[in-house]
Amino acid sequence: MSYEPTVMRRALARLERRREGRERRRYDLERELYAREPRLRELDAALRSSMADLARLATGGTPVAPDGPEIAAIRARSEALQEERAALLARLGHGPDALDSTPACPLCGDTGWTAGGMCACLKGLCAQEQLRALTALLNLTDEQDFARLRLDVYRNQCMIGEECSPREQMEVVVQTCKGYARQFPSYPLKNLLLSGGTGLGKTFLSGCIAREVSQRGYSVVYDTAIRLFSAFETRRFTRDAGEERQARDDTRRYLGCDLLILDDLGSELTTPLSQSSLYEVVNSRLQAGRHTIISTNLSMDHIAQRYTPQLASRIGGLYQELTFYGDDLRLRR
C-alpha cells in the first residue's frame, strides 16, 4: 500500500499531535494529583528508586540469582509501594494506571509501525487524510455516494442504435461500479474503462468509487490525464531540482497506488511522450497487478485509432469497458 507523501506526512503529524496531547494531559493530571496529595509524588519517586536498584543489581559485577534475597526484597518493597499508590489514586477518584504513559495503540506503541509494516491506526489516519485530499480535488459532497445515486434521471426509452435504454444501461454500470468498490481489491475485474459523452455521470461514479475504496483503507490517486502527462514531461525535461523531485514523487504515486483513477483521457495533446507515458503507466500497473480506472469521452474504437497498437491492445484486452450514453444530465437540470 503506497500513500502519497503529502498524505503520509499529514497522517504522521496527526499521530504525533495525538501522542503529544495524551502526554500533556497525563502531565497536567500528574501535577494536579501531586498538589492534592504530596504522598503520591513520594511513592512515584520510591518506585523509580526501586527500579534503579534492580538495574544496578542486573548490571553489577556480582551475579545475582533471579529468586535471590536481594531481588526478592526489592520486589516486595515495590509491591507494597504499588498497593499504597493504587489505594491513594482510588481515593482521588482514579484508576491505578491513571498516570502511566500508556500508548493509545498497543500494537505499535503509537509509532504507526509494527514488525509487519504500517499499523492499522496509521492506515486509518492515512485513509482520512486521503479522503480529505480527494474531497478537495473532486469537490466531493455527501451527495456523491452510491446510496444517494439516482437512476431515474436517465431516460427509460431506448435510443436509436442501442439495445436498451440509458437507464437500463446505467443499472448495469452502477452495479458493476458498486461491486468494484465494495469488493476491492478482490472484485473479478481489476481495470475499468468508463467511456461516453460528457455529463453522463462518469466523474460522479469515479468519485463514488474513490470515496468508498479510500474509506476502506486503500491508497487512491485521482488525477486528470493532462496533469499526469505534465508530471512525466517535467520529470524528463526539467532542469530544476525541486520540480524534478516533485515530478518523480508524482509519477511514483501514479505507478504505486492501490487504485489509480485517470480522468478525461483524450483531452491531452497526443505526442510521442504522452503515448509512451501512458503506456508506462498502463503496462507497469498491469504487470504489478494494481487496479486502474480510466474515464474518457473516447470509445474503444477511437482509442485504437488515437493511441499505439500496443497501448490499445492493453486497454482493449485487459480493461472492462462500461459505456455511458444518453442525454447530458447537466442540461436537464
Protein backbone atom coordinates (compact mmCIF):
# COMPACT_ATOMS: atom_id res chain seq x y z
CA MET A 1 0.00 0.00 0.00
CA SER A 2 1.54 3.28 -1.12
CA TYR A 3 0.10 6.61 0.02
CA GLU A 4 1.09 9.96 -1.40
CA PRO A 5 3.95 11.61 0.55
CA THR A 6 1.71 14.56 1.47
CA VAL A 7 -0.97 12.22 2.81
CA MET A 8 1.61 10.27 4.81
CA ARG A 9 3.16 13.43 6.29
CA ARG A 10 -0.22 14.75 7.40
CA ALA A 11 -1.21 11.41 8.92
CA LEU A 12 2.08 11.10 10.82
CA ALA A 13 1.72 14.69 12.04
CA ARG A 14 -1.75 13.89 13.38
CA LEU A 15 -0.39 10.78 15.09
CA GLU A 16 2.34 12.87 16.73
CA ARG A 17 -0.16 15.53 17.84
CA ARG A 18 -2.33 12.84 19.41
CA ARG A 19 0.67 11.42 21.25
CA GLU A 20 1.73 14.86 22.48
CA GLY A 21 -1.83 15.64 23.56
CA ARG A 22 -2.09 12.47 25.65
CA GLU A 23 1.29 13.13 27.28
CA ARG A 24 0.29 16.74 28.03
CA ARG A 25 -2.97 15.61 29.64
CA ARG A 26 -1.11 12.98 31.66
CA TYR A 27 1.42 15.58 32.85
CA ASP A 28 -1.33 18.05 33.82
CA LEU A 29 -3.16 15.36 35.77
CA GLU A 30 0.07 14.35 37.49
CA ARG A 31 0.72 17.92 38.64
CA GLU A 32 -2.86 18.23 39.88
CA LEU A 33 -2.76 14.99 41.87
CA TYR A 34 0.70 15.69 43.29
CA ALA A 35 -0.63 19.02 44.54
CA ARG A 36 -3.69 17.38 46.09
CA GLU A 37 -1.74 14.51 47.66
CA PRO A 38 2.04 15.06 48.08
CA ARG A 39 2.44 11.46 49.25
CA LEU A 40 1.76 10.37 45.65
CA ARG A 41 4.92 12.12 44.47
CA GLU A 42 6.91 10.37 47.20
CA LEU A 43 5.55 6.98 46.14
CA ASP A 44 6.45 7.55 42.50
CA ALA A 45 9.97 8.60 43.47
CA ALA A 46 10.33 5.49 45.67
CA LEU A 47 9.15 3.24 42.81
CA ARG A 48 11.69 4.80 40.44
CA SER A 49 14.37 4.20 43.07
CA SER A 50 13.37 0.53 43.30
CA MET A 51 13.67 0.18 39.52
CA ALA A 52 17.12 1.76 39.67
CA ASP A 53 18.15 -0.71 42.40
CA LEU A 54 17.07 -3.60 40.19
CA ALA A 55 19.05 -2.19 37.27
CA ARG A 56 22.18 -1.84 39.42
CA LEU A 57 21.90 -5.45 40.56
CA ALA A 58 21.42 -6.66 36.99
CA THR A 59 24.43 -4.74 35.64
CA GLY A 60 26.73 -5.21 38.64
CA GLY A 61 29.79 -7.40 38.53
CA THR A 62 28.46 -9.92 41.06
CA PRO A 63 25.96 -12.47 39.67
CA VAL A 64 22.55 -12.28 41.36
CA ALA A 65 20.03 -15.12 41.27
CA PRO A 66 16.58 -14.07 39.94
CA ASP A 67 14.97 -15.62 43.03
CA GLY A 68 17.71 -14.46 45.43
CA PRO A 69 17.03 -12.46 48.61
CA GLU A 70 18.23 -9.13 47.20
CA ILE A 71 15.78 -9.15 44.30
CA ALA A 72 13.01 -10.58 46.49
CA ALA A 73 13.42 -7.68 48.94
CA ILE A 74 13.24 -5.07 46.17
CA ARG A 75 10.21 -6.80 44.63
CA ALA A 76 8.38 -6.91 47.99
CA ARG A 77 9.11 -3.23 48.58
CA SER A 78 7.87 -2.33 45.11
CA GLU A 79 4.65 -4.30 45.51
CA ALA A 80 3.92 -2.57 48.80
CA LEU A 81 4.52 0.83 47.22
CA GLN A 82 2.27 -0.03 44.25
CA GLU A 83 -0.54 -1.16 46.54
CA GLU A 84 -0.35 2.07 48.53
CA ARG A 85 -0.21 4.09 45.31
CA ALA A 86 -3.25 2.32 43.82
CA ALA A 87 -5.25 2.90 47.02
CA LEU A 88 -4.27 6.56 47.03
CA LEU A 89 -5.27 7.03 43.39
CA ALA A 90 -8.59 5.30 44.02
CA ARG A 91 -9.27 7.69 46.90
CA LEU A 92 -8.60 10.55 44.48
CA GLY A 93 -11.08 9.05 42.00
CA HIS A 94 -8.65 7.49 39.50
CA GLY A 95 -7.54 4.04 38.42
CA PRO A 96 -4.09 2.60 39.19
CA ASP A 97 -2.77 3.40 35.70
CA ALA A 98 -4.09 6.98 35.54
CA LEU A 99 -0.58 8.48 35.50
CA ASP A 100 1.06 5.83 33.33
CA SER A 101 2.32 6.76 29.84
CA THR A 102 0.15 4.14 28.12
CA PRO A 103 0.05 4.34 24.31
CA ALA A 104 -3.37 4.56 22.69
CA CYS A 105 -2.40 1.79 20.26
CA PRO A 106 -1.00 -1.33 21.94
CA LEU A 107 0.02 -2.78 18.57
CA CYS A 108 2.57 -0.13 17.60
CA GLY A 109 3.05 1.93 20.76
CA ASP A 110 1.78 4.99 18.84
CA THR A 111 4.66 4.86 16.36
CA GLY A 112 2.39 3.92 13.45
CA TRP A 113 4.52 0.90 12.53
CA THR A 114 4.72 -2.74 13.56
CA ALA A 115 7.05 -5.53 12.53
CA GLY A 116 4.59 -6.34 9.74
CA GLY A 117 4.54 -2.80 8.34
CA MET A 118 2.08 0.07 8.71
CA CYS A 119 -0.18 -0.23 11.75
CA ALA A 120 -3.96 -0.09 11.44
CA CYS A 121 -4.04 3.17 13.43
CA LEU A 122 -1.81 4.94 10.89
CA LYS A 123 -3.70 3.37 7.98
CA GLY A 124 -6.89 4.85 9.37
CA LEU A 125 -5.36 8.32 9.58
CA CYS A 126 -3.95 7.98 6.05
CA ALA A 127 -7.40 6.99 4.77
CA GLN A 128 -8.93 10.08 6.41
CA GLU A 129 -6.28 12.41 5.01
CA GLN A 130 -6.56 10.82 1.58
CA LEU A 131 -10.33 11.26 1.56
CA ARG A 132 -9.87 14.89 2.59
CA ALA A 133 -7.49 15.40 -0.35
CA LEU A 134 -9.86 13.64 -2.76
CA THR A 135 -12.76 15.72 -1.47
CA ALA A 136 -10.87 18.93 -2.23
CA LEU A 137 -9.71 17.69 -5.66
CA LEU A 138 -13.07 16.34 -6.80
CA ASN A 139 -15.25 18.74 -4.84
CA LEU A 140 -16.87 15.67 -3.30
CA THR A 141 -20.08 16.22 -1.39
CA ASP A 142 -22.27 13.96 0.69
CA GLU A 143 -24.40 13.56 -2.43
CA GLN A 144 -21.53 11.81 -4.23
CA ASP A 145 -22.23 8.43 -2.73
CA PHE A 146 -23.66 5.17 -4.08
CA ALA A 147 -26.50 5.34 -1.56
CA ARG A 148 -27.64 8.70 -2.97
CA LEU A 149 -27.23 7.85 -6.64
CA ARG A 150 -30.46 8.24 -8.63
CA LEU A 151 -31.14 6.25 -11.77
CA ASP A 152 -34.45 7.96 -12.51
CA VAL A 153 -32.56 10.91 -14.02
CA TYR A 154 -31.72 8.69 -17.00
CA ARG A 155 -34.26 8.21 -19.79
CA ASN A 156 -36.08 4.90 -19.80
CA GLN A 157 -36.65 4.85 -23.57
CA CYS A 158 -34.28 3.12 -25.95
CA MET A 159 -32.12 5.32 -28.12
CA ILE A 160 -31.62 4.73 -31.83
CA GLY A 161 -28.90 2.16 -32.39
CA GLU A 162 -28.91 0.92 -28.77
CA GLU A 163 -30.38 -2.32 -27.43
CA CYS A 164 -31.50 -0.89 -24.09
CA SER A 165 -32.45 2.44 -22.57
CA PRO A 166 -29.89 4.69 -20.84
CA ARG A 167 -31.47 3.80 -17.51
CA GLU A 168 -31.17 0.06 -18.11
CA GLN A 169 -27.57 0.51 -19.22
CA MET A 170 -26.76 2.58 -16.13
CA GLU A 171 -28.26 -0.09 -13.87
CA VAL A 172 -25.58 -2.47 -15.18
CA VAL A 173 -22.84 0.16 -14.95
CA VAL A 174 -23.74 1.17 -11.39
CA GLN A 175 -23.98 -2.44 -10.23
CA THR A 176 -20.52 -3.12 -11.62
CA CYS A 177 -19.05 0.02 -10.02
CA LYS A 178 -20.61 -0.84 -6.65
CA GLY A 179 -19.15 -4.33 -6.75
CA TYR A 180 -15.78 -2.98 -7.80
CA ALA A 181 -15.64 -0.52 -4.88
CA ARG A 182 -17.15 -2.72 -2.17
CA GLN A 183 -15.17 -5.84 -3.03
CA PHE A 184 -11.92 -4.04 -3.80
CA PRO A 185 -9.35 -5.45 -4.43
CA SER A 186 -10.84 -8.93 -4.85
CA TYR A 187 -13.53 -8.00 -7.40
CA PRO A 188 -13.06 -10.12 -10.57
CA LEU A 189 -12.48 -7.02 -12.71
CA LYS A 190 -9.20 -5.23 -11.98
CA ASN A 191 -9.44 -2.42 -14.53
CA LEU A 192 -12.37 -0.39 -15.83
CA LEU A 193 -12.76 1.89 -18.85
CA LEU A 194 -15.61 4.35 -18.32
CA SER A 195 -16.44 5.67 -21.78
CA GLY A 196 -19.12 8.00 -23.04
CA GLY A 197 -20.02 11.62 -23.69
CA THR A 198 -19.89 14.49 -21.23
CA GLY A 199 -22.44 14.95 -18.48
CA LEU A 200 -23.40 11.28 -18.19
CA GLY A 201 -22.06 10.53 -14.72
CA LYS A 202 -18.55 9.18 -15.31
CA THR A 203 -16.89 11.60 -12.89
CA PHE A 204 -19.69 11.14 -10.35
CA LEU A 205 -19.27 7.36 -10.33
CA SER A 206 -15.49 7.69 -10.25
CA GLY A 207 -15.87 9.84 -7.15
CA CYS A 208 -18.17 7.27 -5.54
CA ILE A 209 -15.59 4.54 -6.14
CA ALA A 210 -12.72 6.75 -4.91
CA ARG A 211 -14.60 7.60 -1.71
CA GLU A 212 -15.53 4.02 -0.86
CA VAL A 213 -12.15 2.45 -1.68
CA SER A 214 -10.34 5.20 0.23
CA GLN A 215 -12.58 4.79 3.28
CA ARG A 216 -11.67 1.10 3.33
CA GLY A 217 -8.01 1.98 3.81
CA TYR A 218 -6.58 1.63 0.31
CA SER A 219 -4.43 4.27 -1.38
CA VAL A 220 -6.26 6.07 -4.19
CA VAL A 221 -4.85 8.60 -6.64
CA TYR A 222 -7.32 10.54 -8.77
CA ASP A 223 -5.94 12.85 -11.43
CA THR A 224 -6.57 14.11 -14.93
CA ALA A 225 -4.71 12.82 -17.96
CA ILE A 226 -3.30 16.29 -18.62
CA ARG A 227 -1.76 16.54 -15.14
CA LEU A 228 -0.36 13.01 -15.37
CA PHE A 229 1.34 13.69 -18.70
CA SER A 230 2.63 17.01 -17.38
CA ALA A 231 4.34 15.21 -14.48
CA PHE A 232 6.05 12.77 -16.84
CA GLU A 233 7.10 15.64 -19.12
CA THR A 234 8.56 17.58 -16.18
CA ARG A 235 10.38 14.51 -14.93
CA ARG A 236 12.06 14.11 -18.30
CA PHE A 237 12.89 17.68 -19.30
CA THR A 238 13.13 19.95 -16.26
CA ARG A 239 16.50 21.21 -15.04
CA ASP A 240 15.10 22.46 -11.74
CA ALA A 241 15.93 20.08 -8.89
CA GLY A 242 12.79 20.92 -6.91
CA GLU A 243 10.49 20.45 -9.90
CA GLU A 244 12.21 17.18 -10.78
CA ARG A 245 11.81 15.85 -7.23
CA GLN A 246 8.10 16.75 -7.22
CA ALA A 247 7.59 15.21 -10.66
CA ARG A 248 9.30 11.99 -9.56
CA ASP A 249 7.08 11.86 -6.46
CA ASP A 250 4.02 12.36 -8.68
CA THR A 251 4.99 9.67 -11.18
CA ARG A 252 5.79 7.23 -8.38
CA ARG A 253 2.37 7.71 -6.85
CA TYR A 254 0.71 7.12 -10.24
CA LEU A 255 2.59 3.84 -10.54
CA GLY A 256 2.45 2.67 -6.92
CA CYS A 257 -1.03 3.45 -5.53
CA ASP A 258 -3.58 0.68 -4.97
CA LEU A 259 -6.10 2.37 -7.26
CA LEU A 260 -5.38 4.95 -9.95
CA ILE A 261 -8.35 6.82 -11.42
CA LEU A 262 -7.29 8.62 -14.58
CA ASP A 263 -9.90 11.14 -15.68
CA ASP A 264 -10.55 12.65 -19.09
CA LEU A 265 -8.18 10.58 -21.20
CA GLY A 266 -8.16 12.03 -24.71
CA SER A 267 -8.25 15.67 -23.60
CA GLU A 268 -4.46 15.86 -23.87
CA LEU A 269 -2.40 16.73 -26.92
CA THR A 270 -1.27 13.39 -28.33
CA THR A 271 2.51 13.32 -28.64
CA PRO A 272 5.13 10.57 -28.62
CA LEU A 273 5.89 11.46 -24.99
CA SER A 274 2.23 11.26 -23.92
CA GLN A 275 1.90 7.93 -25.73
CA SER A 276 4.98 6.47 -24.01
CA SER A 277 3.97 7.90 -20.62
CA LEU A 278 0.51 6.38 -20.83
CA TYR A 279 1.98 3.06 -21.90
CA GLU A 280 4.38 3.14 -18.93
CA VAL A 281 1.51 3.75 -16.50
CA VAL A 282 -0.86 1.19 -18.01
CA ASN A 283 1.72 -1.53 -18.58
CA SER A 284 3.56 -1.08 -15.25
CA ARG A 285 0.33 -1.25 -13.28
CA LEU A 286 -0.86 -4.29 -15.21
CA GLN A 287 2.42 -6.10 -14.54
CA ALA A 288 2.26 -5.19 -10.84
CA GLY A 289 -1.35 -6.36 -10.56
CA ARG A 290 -2.57 -2.91 -9.50
CA HIS A 291 -6.05 -1.59 -10.25
CA THR A 292 -6.80 1.26 -12.65
CA ILE A 293 -9.91 3.10 -13.82
CA ILE A 294 -9.75 5.25 -16.95
CA SER A 295 -12.52 7.72 -17.73
CA THR A 296 -12.77 9.07 -21.27
CA ASN A 297 -15.08 10.54 -23.87
CA LEU A 298 -13.46 8.21 -26.41
CA SER A 299 -14.90 4.86 -27.40
CA MET A 300 -12.62 1.84 -27.58
CA ASP A 301 -12.58 2.20 -31.38
CA HIS A 302 -11.39 5.80 -31.07
CA ILE A 303 -8.73 4.77 -28.55
CA ALA A 304 -7.44 2.24 -31.07
CA GLN A 305 -7.24 4.99 -33.70
CA ARG A 306 -5.57 7.56 -31.44
CA TYR A 307 -3.01 5.54 -29.48
CA THR A 308 -0.36 2.97 -30.36
CA PRO A 309 -1.43 -0.61 -31.13
CA GLN A 310 0.47 -1.88 -28.07
CA LEU A 311 -1.39 0.52 -25.76
CA ALA A 312 -4.77 -0.04 -27.40
CA SER A 313 -4.35 -3.81 -27.07
CA ARG A 314 -3.58 -3.50 -23.35
CA ILE A 315 -6.64 -1.38 -22.70
CA GLY A 316 -8.91 -3.25 -25.09
CA GLY A 317 -7.89 -6.67 -23.83
CA LEU A 318 -7.44 -6.10 -20.08
CA TYR A 319 -9.95 -3.37 -19.21
CA GLN A 320 -13.69 -3.87 -18.87
CA GLU A 321 -15.42 -1.14 -20.85
CA LEU A 322 -18.52 0.38 -19.25
CA THR A 323 -20.37 2.52 -21.77
CA PHE A 324 -22.36 5.60 -20.74
CA TYR A 325 -24.92 7.05 -23.14
CA GLY A 326 -28.00 9.22 -23.04
CA ASP A 327 -28.71 12.92 -22.58
CA ASP A 328 -26.28 15.30 -20.92
CA LEU A 329 -27.67 15.36 -17.38
CA ARG A 330 -26.37 18.86 -16.76
CA LEU A 331 -28.71 20.20 -19.45
CA ARG A 332 -31.75 18.57 -17.85
CA ARG A 333 -31.48 20.33 -14.50
